[in-house]
Amino acid sequence: MNILLLAGSPSTPSRSTRLLHHVGERLASLGHRYVKLHVRDLPAQSLIHADFADPVLKSARQQVAEADAVVIATPVYKAAYSGILKAFLDLLPQDGLKGKLVLPIATGGSQSHMLALDYGLRPVLSALDARHVLPSIYATEQQINWSAESGLIIDPLIAQRVSDGIENLSSSLAAIRETTAVNGFDPIPFSAVRCSV
């Protein structure tokens, strides 16, 4: 199964992108394949003008379409996820995340921005018809540090949340793979099940 690492930071290097790459490396160590997509590398003019005909944007949308899971990382600015990430998500079709697992990751200046994921990003991901949006991971700038000598240094509390998120994503993908192999079809997401009384 394919995992897309979607980096929504307008700057490089960034804490959110470094944390995203860390998650990718951990997933790879568990046997998962992933590809990276950095929204900041897409043609800015085409992105801003929503040029659906741009071949680079077409290719980026195709990467999303081919993924079984998407790990999205963004910095939080003024209590919201990044504008370039929003511009890219707006280019996806209405069901652009249909059938996909999504793990949201964000970094911000303080704990007061933590709810930007649940109140800002999560509703957009659900509107794009994600199969399941996993519990998000949020870290402050003080909890994620980088040094040339030591590499990425993650606060123990955040490191545990990252490990839990990776395990959750990995086991969910394994369950979907097993169900598909046994039954020959994709299971119906719980949110789509309707009971009649």
C-alpha atoms as a PDB file:
ATOM      1  CA  MET A   1       0.000   0.000   0.000  1.00  0.00           C
ATOM      2  CA  ASN A   2       1.210   3.484  -0.841  1.00  0.00           C
ATOM      3  CA  ILE A   3       1.652   6.350   1.604  1.00  0.00           C
ATOM      4  CA  LEU A   4       1.955   9.964   0.511  1.00  0.00           C
ATOM      5  CA  LEU A   5       3.866  12.386   2.737  1.00  0.00           C
ATOM      6  CA  LEU A   6       2.310  15.777   2.000  1.00  0.00           C
ATOM      7  CA  ALA A   7       4.379  18.721   3.260  1.00  0.00           C
ATOM      8  CA  GLY A   8       2.393  21.934   3.556  1.00  0.00           C
ATOM      9  CA  SER A   9       5.080  24.282   4.830  1.00  0.00           C
ATOM     10  CA  PRO A  10       5.989  27.295   2.682  1.00  0.00           C
ATOM     11  CA  SER A  11       9.520  27.350   4.085  1.00  0.00           C
ATOM     12  CA  THR A  12      12.447  24.978   4.105  1.00  0.00           C
ATOM     13  CA  PRO A  13      13.763  23.661   6.311  1.00  0.00           C
ATOM     14  CA  SER A  14      10.791  23.577   8.655  1.00  0.00           C
ATOM     15  CA  ARG A  15       9.918  21.731  11.841  1.00  0.00           C
ATOM     16  CA  SER A  16       6.713  20.309  10.386  1.00  0.00           C
ATOM     17  CA  THR A  17       8.517  18.920   7.322  1.00  0.00           C
ATOM     18  CA  ARG A  18      11.314  17.433   9.423  1.00  0.00           C
ATOM     19  CA  LEU A  19       8.737  15.758  11.635  1.00  0.00           C
ATOM     20  CA  LEU A  20       6.944  14.496   8.516  1.00  0.00           C
ATOM     21  CA  HIS A  21      10.153  12.969   7.154  1.00  0.00           C
ATOM     22  CA  HIS A  22      10.795  11.363  10.540  1.00  0.00           C
ATOM     23  CA  VAL A  23       7.365   9.732  10.360  1.00  0.00           C
ATOM     24  CA  GLY A  24       8.146   8.544   6.819  1.00  0.00           C
ATOM     25  CA  GLU A  25      11.406   6.948   7.911  1.00  0.00           C
ATOM     26  CA  ARG A  26       9.649   5.186  10.773  1.00  0.00           C
ATOM     27  CA  LEU A  27       6.956   3.902   8.425  1.00  0.00           C
ATOM     28  CA  ALA A  28       9.632   2.673   6.002  1.00  0.00           C
ATOM     29  CA  SER A  29      11.281   0.753   8.855  1.00  0.00           C
ATOM     30  CA  LEU A  30       7.937  -1.050   9.258  1.00  0.00           C
ATOM     31  CA  GLY A  31       7.968  -2.060   5.589  1.00  0.00           C
ATOM     32  CA  HIS A  32       5.731   0.659   4.146  1.00  0.00           C
ATOM     33  CA  ARG A  33       6.470   2.491   0.898  1.00  0.00           C
ATOM     34  CA  TYR A  34       6.047   6.220   0.666  1.00  0.00           C
ATOM     35  CA  VAL A  35       6.506   9.126  -1.706  1.00  0.00           C
ATOM     36  CA  LYS A  36       6.957  12.796  -0.814  1.00  0.00           C
ATOM     37  CA  LEU A  37       5.101  15.794  -2.150  1.00  0.00           C
ATOM     38  CA  HIS A  38       6.145  19.296  -1.075  1.00  0.00           C
ATOM     39  CA  VAL A  39       3.440  21.804  -1.937  1.00  0.00           C
ATOM     40  CA  ARG A  40       6.010  24.639  -1.910  1.00  0.00           C
ATOM     41  CA  ASP A  41       7.734  23.003  -4.918  1.00  0.00           C
ATOM     42  CA  LEU A  42       4.598  23.210  -7.077  1.00  0.00           C
ATOM     43  CA  PRO A  43       4.369  26.077  -9.592  1.00  0.00           C
ATOM     44  CA  ALA A  44       3.123  29.028  -7.521  1.00  0.00           C
ATOM     45  CA  GLN A  45       1.298  30.800 -10.346  1.00  0.00           C
ATOM     46  CA  SER A  46      -0.632  27.671 -11.301  1.00  0.00           C
ATOM     47  CA  LEU A  47      -1.396  26.887  -7.671  1.00  0.00           C
ATOM     48  CA  ILE A  48      -2.726  30.373  -6.897  1.00  0.00           C
ATOM     49  CA  HIS A  49      -4.778  30.541 -10.093  1.00  0.00           C
ATOM     50  CA  ALA A  50      -6.059  26.966  -9.705  1.00  0.00           C
ATOM     51  CA  ASP A  51      -4.765  25.992 -13.133  1.00  0.00           C
ATOM     52  CA  PHE A  52      -6.118  22.452 -13.387  1.00  0.00           C
ATOM     53  CA  ALA A  53      -4.417  22.015 -16.761  1.00  0.00           C
ATOM     54  CA  ASP A  54      -0.907  22.502 -15.368  1.00  0.00           C
ATOM     55  CA  PRO A  55       0.918  19.165 -15.856  1.00  0.00           C
ATOM     56  CA  VAL A  56       2.840  19.455 -12.566  1.00  0.00           C
ATOM     57  CA  LEU A  57      -0.380  19.992 -10.629  1.00  0.00           C
ATOM     58  CA  LYS A  58      -1.996  17.117 -12.525  1.00  0.00           C
ATOM     59  CA  SER A  59       0.886  14.893 -11.458  1.00  0.00           C
ATOM     60  CA  ALA A  60       0.560  16.049  -7.830  1.00  0.00           C
ATOM     61  CA  ARG A  61      -3.170  15.313  -7.817  1.00  0.00           C
ATOM     62  CA  GLN A  62      -2.430  11.893  -9.293  1.00  0.00           C
ATOM     63  CA  GLN A  63      -0.024  11.175  -6.421  1.00  0.00           C
ATOM     64  CA  VAL A  64      -2.863  11.868  -3.993  1.00  0.00           C
ATOM     65  CA  ALA A  65      -5.234   9.677  -6.022  1.00  0.00           C
ATOM     66  CA  GLU A  66      -2.808   6.738  -5.971  1.00  0.00           C
ATOM     67  CA  ALA A  67      -2.131   6.885  -2.225  1.00  0.00           C
ATOM     68  CA  ASP A  68      -3.820   4.579   0.253  1.00  0.00           C
ATOM     69  CA  ALA A  69      -2.857   6.874   3.119  1.00  0.00           C
ATOM     70  CA  VAL A  70      -1.774  10.498   3.355  1.00  0.00           C
ATOM     71  CA  VAL A  71       0.323  11.975   6.144  1.00  0.00           C
ATOM     72  CA  ILE A  72      -0.188  15.742   6.033  1.00  0.00           C
ATOM     73  CA  ALA A  73       2.166  18.106   7.853  1.00  0.00           C
ATOM     74  CA  THR A  74       1.666  21.837   8.222  1.00  0.00           C
ATOM     75  CA  PRO A  75       2.834  24.714  10.349  1.00  0.00           C
ATOM     76  CA  VAL A  76       0.105  26.644  12.144  1.00  0.00           C
ATOM     77  CA  TYR A  77      -0.029  30.362  11.389  1.00  0.00           C
ATOM     78  CA  LYS A  78      -2.580  32.623  13.121  1.00  0.00           C
ATOM     79  CA  ALA A  79      -4.551  29.611  14.373  1.00  0.00           C
ATOM     80  CA  ALA A  80      -4.868  28.043  10.903  1.00  0.00           C
ATOM     81  CA  TYR A  81      -2.997  25.583   8.720  1.00  0.00           C
ATOM     82  CA  SER A  82      -0.826  27.004   5.932  1.00  0.00           C
ATOM     83  CA  GLY A  83      -2.324  28.860   2.985  1.00  0.00           C
ATOM     84  CA  ILE A  84      -0.378  26.900   0.397  1.00  0.00           C
ATOM     85  CA  LEU A  85      -1.736  23.651   1.803  1.00  0.00           C
ATOM     86  CA  LYS A  86      -5.277  25.066   1.558  1.00  0.00           C
ATOM     87  CA  ALA A  87      -4.595  26.149  -2.036  1.00  0.00           C
ATOM     88  CA  PHE A  88      -3.533  22.599  -2.923  1.00  0.00           C
ATOM     89  CA  LEU A  89      -6.404  20.885  -1.107  1.00  0.00           C
ATOM     90  CA  ASP A  90      -8.794  23.176  -2.982  1.00  0.00           C
ATOM     91  CA  LEU A  91      -7.517  21.679  -6.250  1.00  0.00           C
ATOM     92  CA  LEU A  92      -8.536  18.154  -5.265  1.00  0.00           C
ATOM     93  CA  PRO A  93     -11.918  16.830  -6.406  1.00  0.00           C
ATOM     94  CA  GLN A  94     -14.761  16.799  -3.876  1.00  0.00           C
ATOM     95  CA  ASP A  95     -13.974  13.157  -3.054  1.00  0.00           C
ATOM     96  CA  GLY A  96     -10.198  13.620  -3.418  1.00  0.00           C
ATOM     97  CA  LEU A  97      -9.401  11.645  -0.250  1.00  0.00           C
ATOM     98  CA  LYS A  98     -12.070   8.976  -0.735  1.00  0.00           C
ATOM     99  CA  GLY A  99     -11.054   5.678   0.826  1.00  0.00           C
ATOM    100  CA  LYS A 100      -7.820   7.072   2.274  1.00  0.00           C
ATOM    101  CA  LEU A 101      -6.473   7.099   5.791  1.00  0.00           C
ATOM    102  CA  VAL A 102      -5.162  10.512   6.795  1.00  0.00           C
ATOM    103  CA  LEU A 103      -2.741  11.357   9.605  1.00  0.00           C
ATOM    104  CA  PRO A 104      -2.546  15.119  10.265  1.00  0.00           C
ATOM    105  CA  ILE A 105       0.607  16.604  11.811  1.00  0.00           C
ATOM    106  CA  ALA A 106       1.188  20.231  12.774  1.00  0.00           C
ATOM    107  CA  THR A 107       3.728  22.406  14.537  1.00  0.00           C
ATOM    108  CA  GLY A 108       3.083  25.814  16.042  1.00  0.00           C
ATOM    109  CA  GLY A 109       4.387  28.449  18.370  1.00  0.00           C
ATOM    110  CA  SER A 110       2.312  27.500  21.398  1.00  0.00           C
ATOM    111  CA  GLN A 111      -0.196  24.990  22.744  1.00  0.00           C
ATOM    112  CA  SER A 112      -2.981  27.512  22.155  1.00  0.00           C
ATOM    113  CA  HIS A 113      -2.826  26.684  18.429  1.00  0.00           C
ATOM    114  CA  MET A 114      -3.343  22.959  18.964  1.00  0.00           C
ATOM    115  CA  LEU A 115      -7.038  23.069  18.066  1.00  0.00           C
ATOM    116  CA  ALA A 116      -6.275  24.423  14.585  1.00  0.00           C
ATOM    117  CA  LEU A 117      -6.032  20.800  13.461  1.00  0.00           C
ATOM    118  CA  ASP A 118      -9.396  19.728  14.846  1.00  0.00           C
ATOM    119  CA  TYR A 119     -11.323  22.894  14.019  1.00  0.00           C
ATOM    120  CA  GLY A 120      -9.563  23.910  10.818  1.00  0.00           C
ATOM    121  CA  LEU A 121      -7.948  20.993   8.987  1.00  0.00           C
ATOM    122  CA  ARG A 122     -10.001  17.981  10.084  1.00  0.00           C
ATOM    123  CA  PRO A 123     -13.319  19.293   8.656  1.00  0.00           C
ATOM    124  CA  VAL A 124     -11.639  19.903   5.280  1.00  0.00           C
ATOM    125  CA  LEU A 125     -10.197  16.379   5.242  1.00  0.00           C
ATOM    126  CA  SER A 126     -13.611  14.942   6.093  1.00  0.00           C
ATOM    127  CA  ALA A 127     -15.241  17.066   3.384  1.00  0.00           C
ATOM    128  CA  LEU A 128     -12.784  15.497   0.913  1.00  0.00           C
ATOM    129  CA  ASP A 129     -14.288  12.116   1.889  1.00  0.00           C
ATOM    130  CA  ALA A 130     -11.325  10.635   3.780  1.00  0.00           C
ATOM    131  CA  ARG A 131     -12.032   7.087   4.951  1.00  0.00           C
ATOM    132  CA  HIS A 132     -10.721   7.905   8.417  1.00  0.00           C
ATOM    133  CA  VAL A 133      -8.836  10.877   9.856  1.00  0.00           C
ATOM    134  CA  LEU A 134      -6.568   9.483  12.548  1.00  0.00           C
ATOM    135  CA  PRO A 135      -5.884  11.347  15.810  1.00  0.00           C
ATOM    136  CA  SER A 136      -3.689  14.318  14.991  1.00  0.00           C
ATOM    137  CA  ILE A 137      -0.190  15.065  16.264  1.00  0.00           C
ATOM    138  CA  TYR A 138       0.627  18.610  17.341  1.00  0.00           C
ATOM    139  CA  ALA A 139       3.984  19.856  18.615  1.00  0.00           C
ATOM    140  CA  THR A 140       5.187  23.274  19.662  1.00  0.00           C
ATOM    141  CA  GLU A 141       8.437  24.719  18.362  1.00  0.00           C
ATOM    142  CA  GLN A 142      10.030  23.973  21.739  1.00  0.00           C
ATOM    143  CA  GLN A 143       9.151  20.280  21.412  1.00  0.00           C
ATOM    144  CA  ILE A 144      10.834  19.798  18.015  1.00  0.00           C
ATOM    145  CA  ASN A 145      14.467  20.790  17.618  1.00  0.00           C
ATOM    146  CA  TRP A 146      17.138  20.198  15.018  1.00  0.00           C
ATOM    147  CA  SER A 147      20.904  20.257  15.230  1.00  0.00           C
ATOM    148  CA  ALA A 148      23.518  19.280  12.674  1.00  0.00           C
ATOM    149  CA  GLU A 149      25.211  17.045  15.241  1.00  0.00           C
ATOM    150  CA  SER A 150      22.189  15.269  16.727  1.00  0.00           C
ATOM    151  CA  GLY A 151      19.595  15.554  13.985  1.00  0.00           C
ATOM    152  CA  LEU A 152      15.932  15.761  14.989  1.00  0.00           C
ATOM    153  CA  ILE A 153      15.329  15.962  18.721  1.00  0.00           C
ATOM    154  CA  ILE A 154      11.730  15.316  19.787  1.00  0.00           C
ATOM    155  CA  ASP A 155      10.289  15.905  23.237  1.00  0.00           C
ATOM    156  CA  PRO A 156       9.475  12.495  24.839  1.00  0.00           C
ATOM    157  CA  LEU A 157       5.760  13.298  25.083  1.00  0.00           C
ATOM    158  CA  ILE A 158       5.571  14.134  21.372  1.00  0.00           C
ATOM    159  CA  ALA A 159       7.784  11.166  20.495  1.00  0.00           C
ATOM    160  CA  GLN A 160       5.195   8.910  22.148  1.00  0.00           C
ATOM    161  CA  ARG A 161       2.342  10.564  20.233  1.00  0.00           C
ATOM    162  CA  VAL A 162       4.326  10.103  17.005  1.00  0.00           C
ATOM    163  CA  SER A 163       4.909   6.427  17.804  1.00  0.00           C
ATOM    164  CA  ASP A 164       1.213   5.956  18.571  1.00  0.00           C
ATOM    165  CA  GLY A 165       0.237   7.686  15.316  1.00  0.00           C
ATOM    166  CA  ILE A 166       2.611   5.563  13.267  1.00  0.00           C
ATOM    167  CA  GLU A 167       1.383   2.368  14.912  1.00  0.00           C
ATOM    168  CA  ASN A 168      -2.233   3.395  14.373  1.00  0.00           C
ATOM    169  CA  LEU A 169      -1.636   4.143  10.694  1.00  0.00           C
ATOM    170  CA  SER A 170       0.404   0.994  10.116  1.00  0.00           C
ATOM    171  CA  SER A 171      -2.104  -1.319  11.806  1.00  0.00           C
ATOM    172  CA  SER A 172      -5.031   0.359  10.022  1.00  0.00           C
ATOM    173  CA  LEU A 173      -3.352  -0.156   6.649  1.00  0.00           C
ATOM    174  CA  ALA A 174      -2.635  -3.789   7.529  1.00  0.00           C
ATOM    175  CA  ALA A 175      -6.288  -4.334   8.482  1.00  0.00           C
ATOM    176  CA  ILE A 176      -7.493  -2.807   5.217  1.00  0.00           C
ATOM    177  CA  ARG A 177      -5.015  -4.911   3.222  1.00  0.00           C
ATOM    178  CA  GLU A 178      -6.127  -8.080   4.998  1.00  0.00           C
ATOM    179  CA  THR A 179      -9.839  -7.347   4.590  1.00  0.00           C
ATOM    180  CA  THR A 180      -9.388  -6.545   0.915  1.00  0.00           C
ATOM    181  CA  ALA A 181      -7.362  -9.717   0.336  1.00  0.00           C
ATOM    182  CA  VAL A 182      -9.870 -11.947   2.125  1.00  0.00           C
ATOM    183  CA  ASN A 183     -13.079 -10.425   0.800  1.00  0.00           C
ATOM    184  CA  GLY A 184     -11.872  -9.057  -2.506  1.00  0.00           C
ATOM    185  CA  PHE A 185     -13.442  -5.656  -1.880  1.00  0.00           C
ATOM    186  CA  ASP A 186     -12.935  -2.563   0.229  1.00  0.00           C
ATOM    187  CA  PRO A 187     -14.827  -2.508   3.525  1.00  0.00           C
ATOM    188  CA  ILE A 188     -17.520   0.133   4.017  1.00  0.00           C
ATOM    189  CA  PRO A 189     -16.264   2.892   6.311  1.00  0.00           C
ATOM    190  CA  PHE A 190     -18.052   2.913   9.654  1.00  0.00           C
ATOM    191  CA  SER A 191     -19.237   6.479   9.044  1.00  0.00           C
ATOM    192  CA  ALA A 192     -21.081   5.287   5.932  1.00  0.00           C
ATOM    193  CA  VAL A 193     -23.011   2.529   7.701  1.00  0.00           C
ATOM    194  CA  ARG A 194     -26.640   3.437   8.356  1.00  0.00           C
ATOM    195  CA  CYS A 195     -28.842   1.442  10.675  1.00  0.00           C
ATOM    196  CA  SER A 196     -32.600   1.255  10.301  1.00  0.00           C
ATOM    197  CA  VAL A 197     -34.818   0.726  13.292  1.00  0.00           C
END
